[in-house]
Structure formats: C-alpha cells, structure tokens
Amino acid sequence: MTYDDRAIAAAFHATNNLGYPLLHDEGIKHFEAYGVKNEDYKPGDSGYGIPHPGILVVSPDGIVRAKFADPGFRQRPSFEEIYNALTAE
C-alpha cells in the first residue's frame, strides 16, 4: 500500500511487473487506522503521511491477523517471526 500519487504508483507497478495489485491509501486513512503512520512528519513536511515500514497480514474477512511495524527502516521481522506469529493460535 502506498500514499504516492496514483500515476507514480501505476508506473512503478508496470515497470516492476509486480504480479499483484498495489493499493493506494487516499488521504493516508488506512495508515492512520492501522497505527503505522510515522508521526515524526507533520502536515506540510515532504515526508508527511509516510508509514513506518512494516507488514500487515489481513485475513480474507478483513481481520488484521498480525502487524509488524518498526520505527526504524533497518529492522525487519524475519520470516520465522512472521510465521510464528501467524501459527501461534
């Protein structure tokens, strides 16, 4: 999901042949609802609306099953951490 302009997102999608849809977060409503918007940037800043890097796992019925978001972009969860979180139930 991106808050980038639709034309920019469409060009990125086409150039990289992603093979899956790229979602557009109009007005950063979803980033705010999921609690992943980076609060370091205020309205008017060039980075306003950028989310913390992360992964949301959403079930087909719309339930967020797992959320991994870290303030730093260098820390990413391992596949094992994600798998364990999803199979812990």
Protein backbone atom coordinates (compact mmCIF):
# COMPACT_ATOMS: atom_id res chain seq x y z
CA MET A 1 0.00 0.00 0.00
CA THR A 2 1.28 3.43 -0.87
CA TYR A 3 0.22 7.02 -0.38
CA ASP A 4 2.06 8.04 -3.55
CA ASP A 5 0.22 9.65 -6.43
CA ARG A 6 -1.75 7.09 -8.44
CA ALA A 7 0.23 7.82 -11.63
CA ILE A 8 3.54 7.24 -9.82
CA ALA A 9 2.23 4.01 -8.28
CA ALA A 10 0.91 2.80 -11.65
CA ALA A 11 4.26 3.48 -13.34
CA PHE A 12 6.14 1.68 -10.54
CA HIS A 13 3.74 -1.26 -10.79
CA ALA A 14 4.14 -1.52 -14.56
CA THR A 15 7.92 -1.10 -14.50
CA ASN A 16 8.44 -3.75 -11.84
CA ASN A 17 5.81 -6.22 -13.09
CA LEU A 18 4.70 -6.92 -9.51
CA GLY A 19 2.09 -9.57 -10.27
CA TYR A 20 -0.22 -8.32 -7.50
CA PRO A 21 -2.27 -5.15 -7.03
CA LEU A 22 -0.67 -2.12 -5.43
CA LEU A 23 -3.11 -0.40 -3.11
CA HIS A 24 -3.40 3.39 -2.86
CA ASP A 25 -4.13 4.92 0.56
CA GLU A 26 -6.09 8.05 -0.32
CA GLY A 27 -5.57 10.63 2.42
CA ILE A 28 -3.46 8.18 4.50
CA LYS A 29 -6.64 6.97 6.20
CA HIS A 30 -5.52 3.34 6.35
CA PHE A 31 -2.05 4.12 7.67
CA GLU A 32 -3.65 6.08 10.49
CA ALA A 33 -6.27 3.39 11.20
CA TYR A 34 -3.63 0.65 11.36
CA GLY A 35 -1.44 2.82 13.61
CA VAL A 36 1.60 2.76 11.32
CA LYS A 37 1.80 6.42 10.20
CA ASN A 38 5.16 7.95 11.06
CA GLU A 39 4.32 10.78 13.47
CA ASP A 40 7.75 12.39 13.04
CA TYR A 41 6.43 14.18 9.95
CA LYS A 42 3.82 16.90 10.36
CA PRO A 43 1.43 18.30 7.72
CA GLY A 44 3.49 20.37 5.30
CA ASP A 45 6.64 18.22 5.67
CA SER A 46 7.71 16.43 2.48
CA GLY A 47 7.51 13.09 4.32
CA TYR A 48 4.06 13.66 5.82
CA GLY A 49 1.94 10.55 5.52
CA ILE A 50 4.79 8.10 5.20
CA PRO A 51 4.17 4.95 7.22
CA HIS A 52 6.64 3.04 9.33
CA PRO A 53 7.93 0.20 7.20
CA GLY A 54 6.19 -2.99 8.02
CA ILE A 55 3.91 -5.83 7.20
CA LEU A 56 0.20 -6.19 7.80
CA VAL A 57 -1.34 -9.62 7.44
CA VAL A 58 -5.06 -9.25 6.77
CA SER A 59 -7.34 -12.28 6.57
CA PRO A 60 -9.88 -12.60 3.74
CA ASP A 61 -12.62 -11.41 6.11
CA GLY A 62 -10.73 -8.16 6.80
CA ILE A 63 -9.29 -9.00 10.22
CA VAL A 64 -5.71 -7.87 10.89
CA ARG A 65 -4.04 -11.12 11.95
CA ALA A 66 -0.58 -9.67 12.54
CA LYS A 67 1.13 -6.30 12.40
CA PHE A 68 4.85 -5.75 12.20
CA ALA A 69 5.86 -2.09 12.10
CA ASP A 70 9.08 -0.67 13.40
CA PRO A 71 10.06 2.99 13.68
CA GLY A 72 13.38 2.23 12.00
CA PHE A 73 13.53 1.00 8.44
CA ARG A 74 16.60 -1.13 9.11
CA GLN A 75 14.82 -3.51 11.48
CA ARG A 76 12.64 -6.02 9.62
CA PRO A 77 10.97 -9.09 11.04
CA SER A 78 12.35 -12.41 9.91
CA PHE A 79 10.17 -14.89 8.04
CA GLU A 80 10.35 -17.07 11.16
CA GLU A 81 8.93 -14.29 13.37
CA ILE A 82 6.07 -13.72 10.95
CA TYR A 83 5.35 -17.44 10.59
CA ASN A 84 5.40 -17.98 14.36
CA ALA A 85 3.01 -15.09 14.94
CA LEU A 86 0.56 -16.47 12.36
CA THR A 87 0.68 -20.05 13.59
CA ALA A 88 0.57 -19.27 17.33
CA GLU A 89 -3.22 -19.53 17.51
